[in-house]
């Protein structure tokens, strides 16, 4: 049994957006989004933890993608299997050092999941700390991007989750999620 501390949710265009504190590697969803670098190599705490839990087959798939693409452009996302995780797929999203690139990485991750016909996707706070984004700034970019995608482009997604590690991180995301309601 996995313990999840579900704290807040809203519904937009018949899709639930929820925030909770939990362990990203133990959640069941169709797709899990993790940040990546241009070569899909292990780097950063979130990516390394997920790849370790997913097993070596996911890195083999990443290596195959890189052999075909050379590198992942900023703002883009690619997909692999979920390996040993309780997710069908891992979406590897490359954001950058500015707000527009983070927005594109979130948008393209959701687009990729929706194009694959997936109904649920889960994000960590992408770009937090690693690329110098604060939790507040990450929330102010991710939440509006998710809302806009669900309003304008969504076909299949029924649940979008954001898994946070700490209560202060949760509070920042909750504040932004509740804005405009």
C-alpha atoms as a PDB file:
ATOM      1  CA  UNK A   1       0.000   0.000   0.000  1.00  0.00           C
ATOM      2  CA  UNK A   2       1.390   3.394  -1.029  1.00  0.00           C
ATOM      3  CA  UNK A   3       0.812   6.317   1.289  1.00  0.00           C
ATOM      4  CA  UNK A   4      -0.100   9.540  -0.508  1.00  0.00           C
ATOM      5  CA  UNK A   5      -0.991  12.757   1.197  1.00  0.00           C
ATOM      6  CA  UNK A   6      -3.574  14.208  -1.218  1.00  0.00           C
ATOM      7  CA  UNK A   7      -4.200  17.794  -0.376  1.00  0.00           C
ATOM      8  CA  UNK A   8      -5.818  19.836  -3.125  1.00  0.00           C
ATOM      9  CA  UNK A   9      -7.561  19.363  -6.455  1.00  0.00           C
ATOM     10  CA  UNK A  10      -9.582  21.293  -9.023  1.00  0.00           C
ATOM     11  CA  UNK A  11     -11.341  20.290 -12.237  1.00  0.00           C
ATOM     12  CA  UNK A  12     -10.818  22.007 -15.585  1.00  0.00           C
ATOM     13  CA  UNK A  13     -12.548  20.837 -18.774  1.00  0.00           C
ATOM     14  CA  UNK A  14     -13.490  17.535 -17.081  1.00  0.00           C
ATOM     15  CA  UNK A  15      -9.879  16.904 -16.064  1.00  0.00           C
ATOM     16  CA  UNK A  16      -8.721  16.752 -12.457  1.00  0.00           C
ATOM     17  CA  UNK A  17      -5.579  18.634 -11.497  1.00  0.00           C
ATOM     18  CA  UNK A  18      -4.303  17.541  -8.125  1.00  0.00           C
ATOM     19  CA  UNK A  19      -1.388  18.330  -5.863  1.00  0.00           C
ATOM     20  CA  UNK A  20       0.019  16.016  -3.244  1.00  0.00           C
ATOM     21  CA  UNK A  21       3.100  15.205  -1.249  1.00  0.00           C
ATOM     22  CA  UNK A  22       4.487  11.769  -2.019  1.00  0.00           C
ATOM     23  CA  UNK A  23       7.204   9.632  -3.557  1.00  0.00           C
ATOM     24  CA  UNK A  24       7.250  10.136  -7.318  1.00  0.00           C
ATOM     25  CA  UNK A  25       8.690   6.643  -7.888  1.00  0.00           C
ATOM     26  CA  UNK A  26       5.753   4.904  -6.200  1.00  0.00           C
ATOM     27  CA  UNK A  27       2.791   6.527  -7.963  1.00  0.00           C
ATOM     28  CA  UNK A  28       0.507   4.833 -10.494  1.00  0.00           C
ATOM     29  CA  UNK A  29      -0.230   6.969 -13.565  1.00  0.00           C
ATOM     30  CA  UNK A  30      -0.018   6.420 -17.289  1.00  0.00           C
ATOM     31  CA  UNK A  31       2.977   8.747 -17.611  1.00  0.00           C
ATOM     32  CA  UNK A  32       5.560  10.273 -15.305  1.00  0.00           C
ATOM     33  CA  UNK A  33       7.404  13.389 -16.467  1.00  0.00           C
ATOM     34  CA  UNK A  34      10.989  13.927 -15.380  1.00  0.00           C
ATOM     35  CA  UNK A  35      13.461  16.629 -16.308  1.00  0.00           C
ATOM     36  CA  UNK A  36      16.288  15.705 -18.640  1.00  0.00           C
ATOM     37  CA  UNK A  37      19.420  17.046 -20.216  1.00  0.00           C
ATOM     38  CA  UNK A  38      20.254  17.105 -23.920  1.00  0.00           C
ATOM     39  CA  UNK A  39      21.676  13.541 -23.894  1.00  0.00           C
ATOM     40  CA  UNK A  40      19.052  11.833 -21.645  1.00  0.00           C
ATOM     41  CA  UNK A  41      21.771  10.972 -19.126  1.00  0.00           C
ATOM     42  CA  UNK A  42      21.282  10.627 -15.366  1.00  0.00           C
ATOM     43  CA  UNK A  43      21.625  14.042 -13.715  1.00  0.00           C
ATOM     44  CA  UNK A  44      19.852  15.798 -10.866  1.00  0.00           C
ATOM     45  CA  UNK A  45      18.147  14.141  -7.900  1.00  0.00           C
ATOM     46  CA  UNK A  46      14.699  13.606  -9.432  1.00  0.00           C
ATOM     47  CA  UNK A  47      15.990  12.121 -12.686  1.00  0.00           C
ATOM     48  CA  UNK A  48      18.553   9.892 -10.968  1.00  0.00           C
ATOM     49  CA  UNK A  49      16.011   8.577  -8.422  1.00  0.00           C
ATOM     50  CA  UNK A  50      13.448   7.792 -11.114  1.00  0.00           C
ATOM     51  CA  UNK A  51      15.953   6.141 -13.447  1.00  0.00           C
ATOM     52  CA  UNK A  52      17.375   4.055 -10.597  1.00  0.00           C
ATOM     53  CA  UNK A  53      13.880   2.842  -9.659  1.00  0.00           C
ATOM     54  CA  UNK A  54      12.874   2.285 -13.288  1.00  0.00           C
ATOM     55  CA  UNK A  55      15.835   0.023 -13.994  1.00  0.00           C
ATOM     56  CA  UNK A  56      18.462  -0.137 -16.720  1.00  0.00           C
ATOM     57  CA  UNK A  57      16.053  -0.831 -19.590  1.00  0.00           C
ATOM     58  CA  UNK A  58      14.877   2.799 -19.519  1.00  0.00           C
ATOM     59  CA  UNK A  59      18.437   4.111 -19.927  1.00  0.00           C
ATOM     60  CA  UNK A  60      18.932   1.675 -22.815  1.00  0.00           C
ATOM     61  CA  UNK A  61      15.828   3.175 -24.452  1.00  0.00           C
ATOM     62  CA  UNK A  62      17.203   6.677 -23.792  1.00  0.00           C
ATOM     63  CA  UNK A  63      20.492   5.730 -25.439  1.00  0.00           C
ATOM     64  CA  UNK A  64      18.607   4.464 -28.497  1.00  0.00           C
ATOM     65  CA  UNK A  65      16.669   7.745 -28.772  1.00  0.00           C
ATOM     66  CA  UNK A  66      19.930   9.714 -28.580  1.00  0.00           C
ATOM     67  CA  UNK A  67      21.543   7.525 -31.236  1.00  0.00           C
ATOM     68  CA  UNK A  68      18.679   8.534 -33.545  1.00  0.00           C
ATOM     69  CA  UNK A  69      18.258  12.207 -32.532  1.00  0.00           C
ATOM     70  CA  UNK A  70      21.766  13.252 -31.364  1.00  0.00           C
ATOM     71  CA  UNK A  71      20.261  15.442 -28.606  1.00  0.00           C
ATOM     72  CA  UNK A  72      16.990  16.643 -27.113  1.00  0.00           C
ATOM     73  CA  UNK A  73      16.279  20.290 -27.936  1.00  0.00           C
ATOM     74  CA  UNK A  74      15.236  22.611 -25.125  1.00  0.00           C
ATOM     75  CA  UNK A  75      11.469  22.658 -24.714  1.00  0.00           C
ATOM     76  CA  UNK A  76      11.005  19.199 -26.224  1.00  0.00           C
ATOM     77  CA  UNK A  77       9.950  15.894 -24.687  1.00  0.00           C
ATOM     78  CA  UNK A  78      10.510  12.243 -25.589  1.00  0.00           C
ATOM     79  CA  UNK A  79       8.946   9.078 -24.223  1.00  0.00           C
ATOM     80  CA  UNK A  80      10.234   5.715 -23.009  1.00  0.00           C
ATOM     81  CA  UNK A  81       8.644   2.802 -21.196  1.00  0.00           C
ATOM     82  CA  UNK A  82       8.161   3.077 -17.448  1.00  0.00           C
ATOM     83  CA  UNK A  83      10.538   0.212 -16.765  1.00  0.00           C
ATOM     84  CA  UNK A  84      10.004  -1.193 -13.264  1.00  0.00           C
ATOM     85  CA  UNK A  85       7.818   1.741 -12.138  1.00  0.00           C
ATOM     86  CA  UNK A  86       4.033   1.699 -11.751  1.00  0.00           C
ATOM     87  CA  UNK A  87       3.708   3.941 -14.807  1.00  0.00           C
ATOM     88  CA  UNK A  88       3.355   2.893 -18.435  1.00  0.00           C
ATOM     89  CA  UNK A  89       5.689   5.598 -19.724  1.00  0.00           C
ATOM     90  CA  UNK A  90       8.315   8.089 -18.649  1.00  0.00           C
ATOM     91  CA  UNK A  91       8.291  11.393 -20.483  1.00  0.00           C
ATOM     92  CA  UNK A  92      11.705  13.047 -20.484  1.00  0.00           C
ATOM     93  CA  UNK A  93      11.224  16.833 -20.732  1.00  0.00           C
ATOM     94  CA  UNK A  94      14.036  19.271 -21.358  1.00  0.00           C
ATOM     95  CA  UNK A  95      13.392  22.715 -20.014  1.00  0.00           C
ATOM     96  CA  UNK A  96      15.838  25.564 -20.026  1.00  0.00           C
ATOM     97  CA  UNK A  97      16.957  28.507 -17.968  1.00  0.00           C
ATOM     98  CA  UNK A  98      14.059  30.770 -18.855  1.00  0.00           C
ATOM     99  CA  UNK A  99      10.334  30.743 -18.276  1.00  0.00           C
ATOM    100  CA  UNK A 100       9.292  30.185 -21.893  1.00  0.00           C
ATOM    101  CA  UNK A 101      11.404  27.040 -22.164  1.00  0.00           C
ATOM    102  CA  UNK A 102       9.908  25.591 -18.987  1.00  0.00           C
ATOM    103  CA  UNK A 103       6.437  26.369 -20.337  1.00  0.00           C
ATOM    104  CA  UNK A 104       7.275  24.603 -23.606  1.00  0.00           C
ATOM    105  CA  UNK A 105       8.628  21.542 -21.786  1.00  0.00           C
ATOM    106  CA  UNK A 106       5.409  21.221 -19.746  1.00  0.00           C
ATOM    107  CA  UNK A 107       3.179  21.879 -22.791  1.00  0.00           C
ATOM    108  CA  UNK A 108       5.055  19.397 -24.994  1.00  0.00           C
ATOM    109  CA  UNK A 109       4.983  16.736 -22.250  1.00  0.00           C
ATOM    110  CA  UNK A 110       1.206  17.037 -21.993  1.00  0.00           C
ATOM    111  CA  UNK A 111       0.858  17.093 -25.775  1.00  0.00           C
ATOM    112  CA  UNK A 112       2.920  13.920 -26.109  1.00  0.00           C
ATOM    113  CA  UNK A 113       0.859  12.141 -23.432  1.00  0.00           C
ATOM    114  CA  UNK A 114      -2.412  13.272 -25.023  1.00  0.00           C
ATOM    115  CA  UNK A 115      -1.273  12.217 -28.512  1.00  0.00           C
ATOM    116  CA  UNK A 116      -0.501   8.756 -27.106  1.00  0.00           C
ATOM    117  CA  UNK A 117      -4.066   8.573 -25.756  1.00  0.00           C
ATOM    118  CA  UNK A 118      -2.936   8.541 -22.132  1.00  0.00           C
ATOM    119  CA  UNK A 119      -5.421   9.556 -19.462  1.00  0.00           C
ATOM    120  CA  UNK A 120      -3.143  10.449 -16.541  1.00  0.00           C
ATOM    121  CA  UNK A 121       0.177  12.243 -16.190  1.00  0.00           C
ATOM    122  CA  UNK A 122       2.237  13.232 -13.171  1.00  0.00           C
ATOM    123  CA  UNK A 123       4.870  15.956 -12.857  1.00  0.00           C
ATOM    124  CA  UNK A 124       7.441  16.902 -10.249  1.00  0.00           C
ATOM    125  CA  UNK A 125       8.128  20.657 -10.034  1.00  0.00           C
ATOM    126  CA  UNK A 126      10.284  20.708 -13.173  1.00  0.00           C
ATOM    127  CA  UNK A 127      13.282  23.077 -13.136  1.00  0.00           C
ATOM    128  CA  UNK A 128      13.020  23.672  -9.393  1.00  0.00           C
ATOM    129  CA  UNK A 129      16.484  24.206  -7.928  1.00  0.00           C
ATOM    130  CA  UNK A 130      18.412  22.457 -10.743  1.00  0.00           C
ATOM    131  CA  UNK A 131      18.013  25.311 -13.214  1.00  0.00           C
ATOM    132  CA  UNK A 132      17.715  28.025 -10.597  1.00  0.00           C
ATOM    133  CA  UNK A 133      13.914  28.278 -10.520  1.00  0.00           C
ATOM    134  CA  UNK A 134      12.332  28.735  -7.128  1.00  0.00           C
ATOM    135  CA  UNK A 135       9.304  26.648  -6.215  1.00  0.00           C
ATOM    136  CA  UNK A 136       7.136  29.752  -6.577  1.00  0.00           C
ATOM    137  CA  UNK A 137       8.401  30.521 -10.075  1.00  0.00           C
ATOM    138  CA  UNK A 138       8.063  26.882 -11.133  1.00  0.00           C
ATOM    139  CA  UNK A 139       4.438  26.881  -9.904  1.00  0.00           C
ATOM    140  CA  UNK A 140       3.677  30.179 -11.646  1.00  0.00           C
ATOM    141  CA  UNK A 141       4.787  28.689 -14.957  1.00  0.00           C
ATOM    142  CA  UNK A 142       3.620  25.084 -14.670  1.00  0.00           C
ATOM    143  CA  UNK A 143       0.074  25.597 -13.324  1.00  0.00           C
ATOM    144  CA  UNK A 144      -1.083  28.174 -15.929  1.00  0.00           C
ATOM    145  CA  UNK A 145       0.496  26.085 -18.705  1.00  0.00           C
ATOM    146  CA  UNK A 146      -1.361  22.972 -17.530  1.00  0.00           C
ATOM    147  CA  UNK A 147      -4.646  24.902 -17.231  1.00  0.00           C
ATOM    148  CA  UNK A 148      -4.239  26.416 -20.703  1.00  0.00           C
ATOM    149  CA  UNK A 149      -3.442  23.052 -22.294  1.00  0.00           C
ATOM    150  CA  UNK A 150      -6.489  21.445 -20.672  1.00  0.00           C
ATOM    151  CA  UNK A 151      -8.711  24.289 -21.840  1.00  0.00           C
ATOM    152  CA  UNK A 152      -7.406  24.442 -25.420  1.00  0.00           C
ATOM    153  CA  UNK A 153      -5.908  21.139 -26.537  1.00  0.00           C
ATOM    154  CA  UNK A 154      -6.859  18.229 -24.299  1.00  0.00           C
ATOM    155  CA  UNK A 155      -8.508  15.179 -25.878  1.00  0.00           C
ATOM    156  CA  UNK A 156      -7.699  12.236 -23.620  1.00  0.00           C
ATOM    157  CA  UNK A 157      -6.137  13.427 -20.370  1.00  0.00           C
ATOM    158  CA  UNK A 158      -8.434  13.003 -17.378  1.00  0.00           C
ATOM    159  CA  UNK A 159      -5.949  13.568 -14.563  1.00  0.00           C
ATOM    160  CA  UNK A 160      -2.876  15.769 -14.199  1.00  0.00           C
ATOM    161  CA  UNK A 161      -0.997  15.447 -10.914  1.00  0.00           C
ATOM    162  CA  UNK A 162       1.895  17.332  -9.401  1.00  0.00           C
ATOM    163  CA  UNK A 163       3.891  15.410  -6.823  1.00  0.00           C
ATOM    164  CA  UNK A 164       5.731  17.576  -4.342  1.00  0.00           C
ATOM    165  CA  UNK A 165       8.324  16.606  -1.745  1.00  0.00           C
ATOM    166  CA  UNK A 166       7.693  19.127   1.027  1.00  0.00           C
ATOM    167  CA  UNK A 167       4.841  21.076   2.603  1.00  0.00           C
ATOM    168  CA  UNK A 168       6.400  24.482   1.697  1.00  0.00           C
ATOM    169  CA  UNK A 169       6.590  23.355  -1.965  1.00  0.00           C
ATOM    170  CA  UNK A 170       2.986  22.214  -1.767  1.00  0.00           C
ATOM    171  CA  UNK A 171       1.867  25.581  -0.328  1.00  0.00           C
ATOM    172  CA  UNK A 172       3.462  27.475  -3.236  1.00  0.00           C
ATOM    173  CA  UNK A 173       1.738  25.274  -5.820  1.00  0.00           C
ATOM    174  CA  UNK A 174      -1.579  25.356  -3.948  1.00  0.00           C
ATOM    175  CA  UNK A 175      -1.559  29.154  -3.939  1.00  0.00           C
ATOM    176  CA  UNK A 176      -1.097  29.288  -7.715  1.00  0.00           C
ATOM    177  CA  UNK A 177      -3.564  26.455  -8.404  1.00  0.00           C
ATOM    178  CA  UNK A 178      -6.252  28.244  -6.381  1.00  0.00           C
ATOM    179  CA  UNK A 179      -5.736  31.603  -8.160  1.00  0.00           C
ATOM    180  CA  UNK A 180      -8.606  32.466 -10.449  1.00  0.00           C
ATOM    181  CA  UNK A 181     -11.085  30.031  -8.942  1.00  0.00           C
END
